[in-house]
Amino acid sequence: MNMINVLDADPTTQTLETELLGVPVQVRAIPIQYHWDVGDGNTITTKKPGKPYPSEQVTATYTQEGWYDIP
């Protein structure tokens, strides 16, 4: 209870190459916003990707004891 959960995501641009109607296409995804469902009914949306522990740039605090699935 009252445990801080440090959140972080990979902020790098991702590129997908595929074919659409016989034409090669390239789709580039550039992250500009990050959205977490922390599993306790709360969500967090930020422009920061967070950083690994011990950073607390983006965090969630659980106020109730239990198991939480973060989808």
PDB file of N, CA and C in Angstrom:
ATOM      1  N   MET A   1       0.831  -1.163   0.000  1.00  0.00           N
ATOM      2  CA  MET A   1       0.000   0.000   0.000  1.00  0.00           C
ATOM      3  C   MET A   1       0.881   1.232   0.000  1.00  0.00           C
ATOM      4  N   ASN A   2       0.478   2.272  -0.709  1.00  0.00           N
ATOM      5  CA  ASN A   2       1.250   3.504  -0.891  1.00  0.00           C
ATOM      6  C   ASN A   2       2.615   3.233  -1.505  1.00  0.00           C
ATOM      7  N   MET A   3       2.701   2.184  -2.310  1.00  0.00           N
ATOM      8  CA  MET A   3       3.941   1.840  -2.996  1.00  0.00           C
ATOM      9  C   MET A   3       3.996   2.574  -4.332  1.00  0.00           C
ATOM     10  N   ILE A   4       5.129   3.187  -4.608  1.00  0.00           N
ATOM     11  CA  ILE A   4       5.299   3.910  -5.873  1.00  0.00           C
ATOM     12  C   ILE A   4       5.685   2.924  -6.968  1.00  0.00           C
ATOM     13  N   ASN A   5       5.009   3.032  -8.096  1.00  0.00           N
ATOM     14  CA  ASN A   5       5.294   2.228  -9.275  1.00  0.00           C
ATOM     15  C   ASN A   5       5.907   3.158 -10.319  1.00  0.00           C
ATOM     16  N   VAL A   6       7.177   2.921 -10.663  1.00  0.00           N
ATOM     17  CA  VAL A   6       7.878   3.754 -11.646  1.00  0.00           C
ATOM     18  C   VAL A   6       7.502   3.268 -13.046  1.00  0.00           C
ATOM     19  N   LEU A   7       7.068   4.202 -13.905  1.00  0.00           N
ATOM     20  CA  LEU A   7       6.639   3.873 -15.262  1.00  0.00           C
ATOM     21  C   LEU A   7       7.637   4.411 -16.276  1.00  0.00           C
ATOM     22  N   ASP A   8       7.936   3.607 -17.284  1.00  0.00           N
ATOM     23  CA  ASP A   8       8.764   4.110 -18.385  1.00  0.00           C
ATOM     24  C   ASP A   8       8.419   3.373 -19.660  1.00  0.00           C
ATOM     25  N   ALA A   9       8.586   4.078 -20.772  1.00  0.00           N
ATOM     26  CA  ALA A   9       8.290   3.535 -22.096  1.00  0.00           C
ATOM     27  C   ALA A   9       9.462   3.823 -23.025  1.00  0.00           C
ATOM     28  N   ASP A  10       9.554   3.080 -24.095  1.00  0.00           N
ATOM     29  CA  ASP A  10      10.593   3.286 -25.098  1.00  0.00           C
ATOM     30  C   ASP A  10      10.176   4.450 -25.999  1.00  0.00           C
ATOM     31  N   PRO A  11      10.895   5.579 -25.943  1.00  0.00           N
ATOM     32  CA  PRO A  11      10.481   6.756 -26.704  1.00  0.00           C
ATOM     33  C   PRO A  11      10.993   6.803 -28.150  1.00  0.00           C
ATOM     34  N   THR A  12      11.636   5.743 -28.613  1.00  0.00           N
ATOM     35  CA  THR A  12      12.218   5.791 -29.949  1.00  0.00           C
ATOM     36  C   THR A  12      11.149   5.684 -31.040  1.00  0.00           C
ATOM     37  N   THR A  13      11.431   6.307 -32.166  1.00  0.00           N
ATOM     38  CA  THR A  13      10.556   6.228 -33.330  1.00  0.00           C
ATOM     39  C   THR A  13      10.540   4.793 -33.845  1.00  0.00           C
ATOM     40  N   GLN A  14       9.360   4.299 -34.212  1.00  0.00           N
ATOM     41  CA  GLN A  14       9.234   2.943 -34.750  1.00  0.00           C
ATOM     42  C   GLN A  14       8.792   3.027 -36.197  1.00  0.00           C
ATOM     43  N   THR A  15       9.376   2.169 -37.022  1.00  0.00           N
ATOM     44  CA  THR A  15       9.051   2.159 -38.445  1.00  0.00           C
ATOM     45  C   THR A  15       8.570   0.772 -38.849  1.00  0.00           C
ATOM     46  N   LEU A  16       7.466   0.727 -39.578  1.00  0.00           N
ATOM     47  CA  LEU A  16       6.908  -0.515 -40.088  1.00  0.00           C
ATOM     48  C   LEU A  16       6.903  -0.441 -41.607  1.00  0.00           C
ATOM     49  N   GLU A  17       7.502  -1.439 -42.215  1.00  0.00           N
ATOM     50  CA  GLU A  17       7.476  -1.520 -43.682  1.00  0.00           C
ATOM     51  C   GLU A  17       6.534  -2.641 -44.067  1.00  0.00           C
ATOM     52  N   THR A  18       5.636  -2.342 -44.998  1.00  0.00           N
ATOM     53  CA  THR A  18       4.655  -3.329 -45.433  1.00  0.00           C
ATOM     54  C   THR A  18       4.281  -3.041 -46.879  1.00  0.00           C
ATOM     55  N   GLU A  19       3.267  -3.720 -47.348  1.00  0.00           N
ATOM     56  CA  GLU A  19       2.803  -3.508 -48.715  1.00  0.00           C
ATOM     57  C   GLU A  19       1.304  -3.269 -48.676  1.00  0.00           C
ATOM     58  N   LEU A  20       0.841  -2.281 -49.413  1.00  0.00           N
ATOM     59  CA  LEU A  20      -0.563  -1.937 -49.461  1.00  0.00           C
ATOM     60  C   LEU A  20      -1.002  -1.895 -50.916  1.00  0.00           C
ATOM     61  N   LEU A  21      -1.897  -2.805 -51.289  1.00  0.00           N
ATOM     62  CA  LEU A  21      -2.377  -2.913 -52.672  1.00  0.00           C
ATOM     63  C   LEU A  21      -1.212  -3.038 -53.663  1.00  0.00           C
ATOM     64  N   GLY A  22      -0.203  -3.808 -53.251  1.00  0.00           N
ATOM     65  CA  GLY A  22       0.945  -4.059 -54.118  1.00  0.00           C
ATOM     66  C   GLY A  22       1.990  -2.956 -54.117  1.00  0.00           C
ATOM     67  N   VAL A  23       1.783  -1.914 -53.333  1.00  0.00           N
ATOM     68  CA  VAL A  23       2.722  -0.796 -53.282  1.00  0.00           C
ATOM     69  C   VAL A  23       3.445  -0.822 -51.928  1.00  0.00           C
ATOM     70  N   PRO A  24       4.784  -0.825 -51.940  1.00  0.00           N
ATOM     71  CA  PRO A  24       5.497  -0.803 -50.673  1.00  0.00           C
ATOM     72  C   PRO A  24       5.259   0.527 -49.946  1.00  0.00           C
ATOM     73  N   VAL A  25       4.955   0.443 -48.648  1.00  0.00           N
ATOM     74  CA  VAL A  25       4.753   1.639 -47.842  1.00  0.00           C
ATOM     75  C   VAL A  25       5.559   1.522 -46.554  1.00  0.00           C
ATOM     76  N   GLN A  26       5.853   2.672 -45.999  1.00  0.00           N
ATOM     77  CA  GLN A  26       6.581   2.732 -44.745  1.00  0.00           C
ATOM     78  C   GLN A  26       5.787   3.644 -43.799  1.00  0.00           C
ATOM     79  N   VAL A  27       5.463   3.120 -42.629  1.00  0.00           N
ATOM     80  CA  VAL A  27       4.723   3.881 -41.624  1.00  0.00           C
ATOM     81  C   VAL A  27       5.678   4.172 -40.473  1.00  0.00           C
ATOM     82  N   ARG A  28       5.759   5.439 -40.106  1.00  0.00           N
ATOM     83  CA  ARG A  28       6.648   5.845 -39.017  1.00  0.00           C
ATOM     84  C   ARG A  28       5.813   6.363 -37.858  1.00  0.00           C
ATOM     85  N   ALA A  29       6.008   5.794 -36.673  1.00  0.00           N
ATOM     86  CA  ALA A  29       5.287   6.217 -35.464  1.00  0.00           C
ATOM     87  C   ALA A  29       6.267   6.961 -34.552  1.00  0.00           C
ATOM     88  N   ILE A  30       5.949   8.222 -34.300  1.00  0.00           N
ATOM     89  CA  ILE A  30       6.779   9.060 -33.433  1.00  0.00           C
ATOM     90  C   ILE A  30       5.977   9.359 -32.178  1.00  0.00           C
ATOM     91  N   PRO A  31       6.398   8.816 -31.022  1.00  0.00           N
ATOM     92  CA  PRO A  31       5.627   9.034 -29.798  1.00  0.00           C
ATOM     93  C   PRO A  31       5.599  10.505 -29.391  1.00  0.00           C
ATOM     94  N   ILE A  32       4.394  11.009 -29.123  1.00  0.00           N
ATOM     95  CA  ILE A  32       4.263  12.387 -28.629  1.00  0.00           C
ATOM     96  C   ILE A  32       3.493  12.418 -27.313  1.00  0.00           C
ATOM     97  N   GLN A  33       2.893  11.279 -26.961  1.00  0.00           N
ATOM     98  CA  GLN A  33       2.120  11.198 -25.730  1.00  0.00           C
ATOM     99  C   GLN A  33       2.138   9.751 -25.254  1.00  0.00           C
ATOM    100  N   TYR A  34       2.128   9.563 -23.951  1.00  0.00           N
ATOM    101  CA  TYR A  34       2.173   8.236 -23.351  1.00  0.00           C
ATOM    102  C   TYR A  34       0.983   8.089 -22.421  1.00  0.00           C
ATOM    103  N   HIS A  35       0.317   6.934 -22.518  1.00  0.00           N
ATOM    104  CA  HIS A  35      -0.887   6.698 -21.723  1.00  0.00           C
ATOM    105  C   HIS A  35      -0.751   5.341 -21.034  1.00  0.00           C
ATOM    106  N   TRP A  36      -0.881   5.335 -19.711  1.00  0.00           N
ATOM    107  CA  TRP A  36      -0.806   4.105 -18.937  1.00  0.00           C
ATOM    108  C   TRP A  36      -2.129   3.858 -18.230  1.00  0.00           C
ATOM    109  N   ASP A  37      -2.578   2.622 -18.270  1.00  0.00           N
ATOM    110  CA  ASP A  37      -3.686   2.153 -17.439  1.00  0.00           C
ATOM    111  C   ASP A  37      -3.003   1.375 -16.330  1.00  0.00           C
ATOM    112  N   VAL A  38      -3.026   1.898 -15.106  1.00  0.00           N
ATOM    113  CA  VAL A  38      -2.226   1.300 -14.035  1.00  0.00           C
ATOM    114  C   VAL A  38      -2.945   0.170 -13.300  1.00  0.00           C
ATOM    115  N   GLY A  39      -4.119  -0.238 -13.791  1.00  0.00           N
ATOM    116  CA  GLY A  39      -4.751  -1.444 -13.305  1.00  0.00           C
ATOM    117  C   GLY A  39      -5.636  -1.281 -12.087  1.00  0.00           C
ATOM    118  N   ASP A  40      -5.694  -0.085 -11.508  1.00  0.00           N
ATOM    119  CA  ASP A  40      -6.528   0.124 -10.321  1.00  0.00           C
ATOM    120  C   ASP A  40      -7.706   1.052 -10.610  1.00  0.00           C
ATOM    121  N   GLY A  41      -8.001   1.230 -11.908  1.00  0.00           N
ATOM    122  CA  GLY A  41      -9.074   2.134 -12.305  1.00  0.00           C
ATOM    123  C   GLY A  41      -8.579   3.519 -12.665  1.00  0.00           C
ATOM    124  N   ASN A  42      -7.288   3.765 -12.462  1.00  0.00           N
ATOM    125  CA  ASN A  42      -6.693   5.066 -12.793  1.00  0.00           C
ATOM    126  C   ASN A  42      -5.839   4.959 -14.042  1.00  0.00           C
ATOM    127  N   THR A  43      -5.709   6.083 -14.728  1.00  0.00           N
ATOM    128  CA  THR A  43      -4.833   6.171 -15.895  1.00  0.00           C
ATOM    129  C   THR A  43      -3.940   7.392 -15.741  1.00  0.00           C
ATOM    130  N   ILE A  44      -2.823   7.366 -16.458  1.00  0.00           N
ATOM    131  CA  ILE A  44      -1.878   8.487 -16.471  1.00  0.00           C
ATOM    132  C   ILE A  44      -1.564   8.790 -17.927  1.00  0.00           C
ATOM    133  N   THR A  45      -1.665  10.047 -18.312  1.00  0.00           N
ATOM    134  CA  THR A  45      -1.287  10.492 -19.651  1.00  0.00           C
ATOM    135  C   THR A  45      -0.276  11.611 -19.494  1.00  0.00           C
ATOM    136  N   THR A  46       0.841  11.507 -20.217  1.00  0.00           N
ATOM    137  CA  THR A  46       1.903  12.495 -20.110  1.00  0.00           C
ATOM    138  C   THR A  46       2.650  12.599 -21.431  1.00  0.00           C
ATOM    139  N   LYS A  47       3.370  13.677 -21.605  1.00  0.00           N
ATOM    140  CA  LYS A  47       4.228  13.829 -22.783  1.00  0.00           C
ATOM    141  C   LYS A  47       5.616  13.263 -22.513  1.00  0.00           C
ATOM    142  N   LYS A  48       5.895  12.910 -21.264  1.00  0.00           N
ATOM    143  CA  LYS A  48       7.189  12.336 -20.886  1.00  0.00           C
ATOM    144  C   LYS A  48       7.099  10.814 -20.908  1.00  0.00           C
ATOM    145  N   PRO A  49       8.142  10.139 -21.430  1.00  0.00           N
ATOM    146  CA  PRO A  49       8.097   8.680 -21.480  1.00  0.00           C
ATOM    147  C   PRO A  49       8.444   8.023 -20.150  1.00  0.00           C
ATOM    148  N   GLY A  50       8.881   8.805 -19.187  1.00  0.00           N
ATOM    149  CA  GLY A  50       9.339   8.230 -17.934  1.00  0.00           C
ATOM    150  C   GLY A  50      10.755   7.701 -18.091  1.00  0.00           C
ATOM    151  N   LYS A  51      11.341   7.300 -16.993  1.00  0.00           N
ATOM    152  CA  LYS A  51      12.689   6.731 -16.987  1.00  0.00           C
ATOM    153  C   LYS A  51      12.699   5.560 -16.017  1.00  0.00           C
ATOM    154  N   PRO A  52      13.627   4.599 -16.215  1.00  0.00           N
ATOM    155  CA  PRO A  52      13.687   3.448 -15.310  1.00  0.00           C
ATOM    156  C   PRO A  52      14.029   3.860 -13.873  1.00  0.00           C
ATOM    157  N   TYR A  53      13.692   2.969 -12.936  1.00  0.00           N
ATOM    158  CA  TYR A  53      14.051   3.160 -11.540  1.00  0.00           C
ATOM    159  C   TYR A  53      15.560   3.385 -11.453  1.00  0.00           C
ATOM    160  N   PRO A  54      16.038   4.305 -10.671  1.00  0.00           N
ATOM    161  CA  PRO A  54      15.419   4.978  -9.540  1.00  0.00           C
ATOM    162  C   PRO A  54      14.743   6.307  -9.877  1.00  0.00           C
ATOM    163  N   SER A  55      14.645   6.662 -11.149  1.00  0.00           N
ATOM    164  CA  SER A  55      13.958   7.899 -11.511  1.00  0.00           C
ATOM    165  C   SER A  55      12.492   7.805 -11.116  1.00  0.00           C
ATOM    166  N   GLU A  56      11.929   8.923 -10.761  1.00  0.00           N
ATOM    167  CA  GLU A  56      10.500   8.978 -10.469  1.00  0.00           C
ATOM    168  C   GLU A  56       9.839  10.044 -11.351  1.00  0.00           C
ATOM    169  N   GLN A  57      10.300  10.115 -12.623  1.00  0.00           N
ATOM    170  CA  GLN A  57       9.762  11.095 -13.561  1.00  0.00           C
ATOM    171  C   GLN A  57       8.267  10.878 -13.799  1.00  0.00           C
ATOM    172  N   VAL A  58       7.861   9.621 -13.965  1.00  0.00           N
ATOM    173  CA  VAL A  58       6.444   9.278 -14.120  1.00  0.00           C
ATOM    174  C   VAL A  58       6.161   8.115 -13.169  1.00  0.00           C
ATOM    175  N   THR A  59       5.216   8.320 -12.250  1.00  0.00           N
ATOM    176  CA  THR A  59       4.914   7.277 -11.268  1.00  0.00           C
ATOM    177  C   THR A  59       3.416   7.168 -11.027  1.00  0.00           C
ATOM    178  N   ALA A  60       3.055   6.047 -10.459  1.00  0.00           N
ATOM    179  CA  ALA A  60       1.693   5.820  -9.967  1.00  0.00           C
ATOM    180  C   ALA A  60       1.839   5.279  -8.556  1.00  0.00           C
ATOM    181  N   THR A  61       0.941   5.672  -7.672  1.00  0.00           N
ATOM    182  CA  THR A  61       0.964   5.171  -6.303  1.00  0.00           C
ATOM    183  C   THR A  61      -0.316   4.394  -6.041  1.00  0.00           C
ATOM    184  N   TYR A  62      -0.155   3.148  -5.608  1.00  0.00           N
ATOM    185  CA  TYR A  62      -1.302   2.313  -5.273  1.00  0.00           C
ATOM    186  C   TYR A  62      -1.693   2.577  -3.827  1.00  0.00           C
ATOM    187  N   THR A  63      -2.953   2.919  -3.620  1.00  0.00           N
ATOM    188  CA  THR A  63      -3.420   3.240  -2.268  1.00  0.00           C
ATOM    189  C   THR A  63      -4.105   2.051  -1.601  1.00  0.00           C
ATOM    190  N   GLN A  64      -4.383   1.000  -2.373  1.00  0.00           N
ATOM    191  CA  GLN A  64      -5.021  -0.196  -1.825  1.00  0.00           C
ATOM    192  C   GLN A  64      -4.123  -1.405  -2.077  1.00  0.00           C
ATOM    193  N   GLU A  65      -4.066  -2.284  -1.109  1.00  0.00           N
ATOM    194  CA  GLU A  65      -3.315  -3.517  -1.259  1.00  0.00           C
ATOM    195  C   GLU A  65      -3.990  -4.399  -2.294  1.00  0.00           C
ATOM    196  N   GLY A  66      -3.200  -5.132  -3.087  1.00  0.00           N
ATOM    197  CA  GLY A  66      -3.784  -6.062  -4.058  1.00  0.00           C
ATOM    198  C   GLY A  66      -2.859  -6.341  -5.214  1.00  0.00           C
ATOM    199  N   TRP A  67      -3.350  -7.137  -6.162  1.00  0.00           N
ATOM    200  CA  TRP A  67      -2.634  -7.460  -7.388  1.00  0.00           C
ATOM    201  C   TRP A  67      -3.210  -6.596  -8.495  1.00  0.00           C
ATOM    202  N   TYR A  68      -2.352  -5.988  -9.302  1.00  0.00           N
ATOM    203  CA  TYR A  68      -2.810  -5.102 -10.373  1.00  0.00           C
ATOM    204  C   TYR A  68      -2.223  -5.549 -11.701  1.00  0.00           C
ATOM    205  N   ASP A  69      -3.079  -5.709 -12.701  1.00  0.00           N
ATOM    206  CA  ASP A  69      -2.638  -6.014 -14.056  1.00  0.00           C
ATOM    207  C   ASP A  69      -2.521  -4.709 -14.817  1.00  0.00           C
ATOM    208  N   ILE A  70      -1.337  -4.475 -15.386  1.00  0.00           N
ATOM    209  CA  ILE A  70      -1.123  -3.278 -16.200  1.00  0.00           C
ATOM    210  C   ILE A  70      -1.133  -3.727 -17.653  1.00  0.00           C
ATOM    211  N   PRO A  71      -2.238  -3.424 -18.372  1.00  0.00           N
ATOM    212  CA  PRO A  71      -2.359  -3.897 -19.758  1.00  0.00           C
ATOM    213  C   PRO A  71      -1.389  -3.192 -20.695  1.00  0.00           C
TER     214      PRO A  71
END
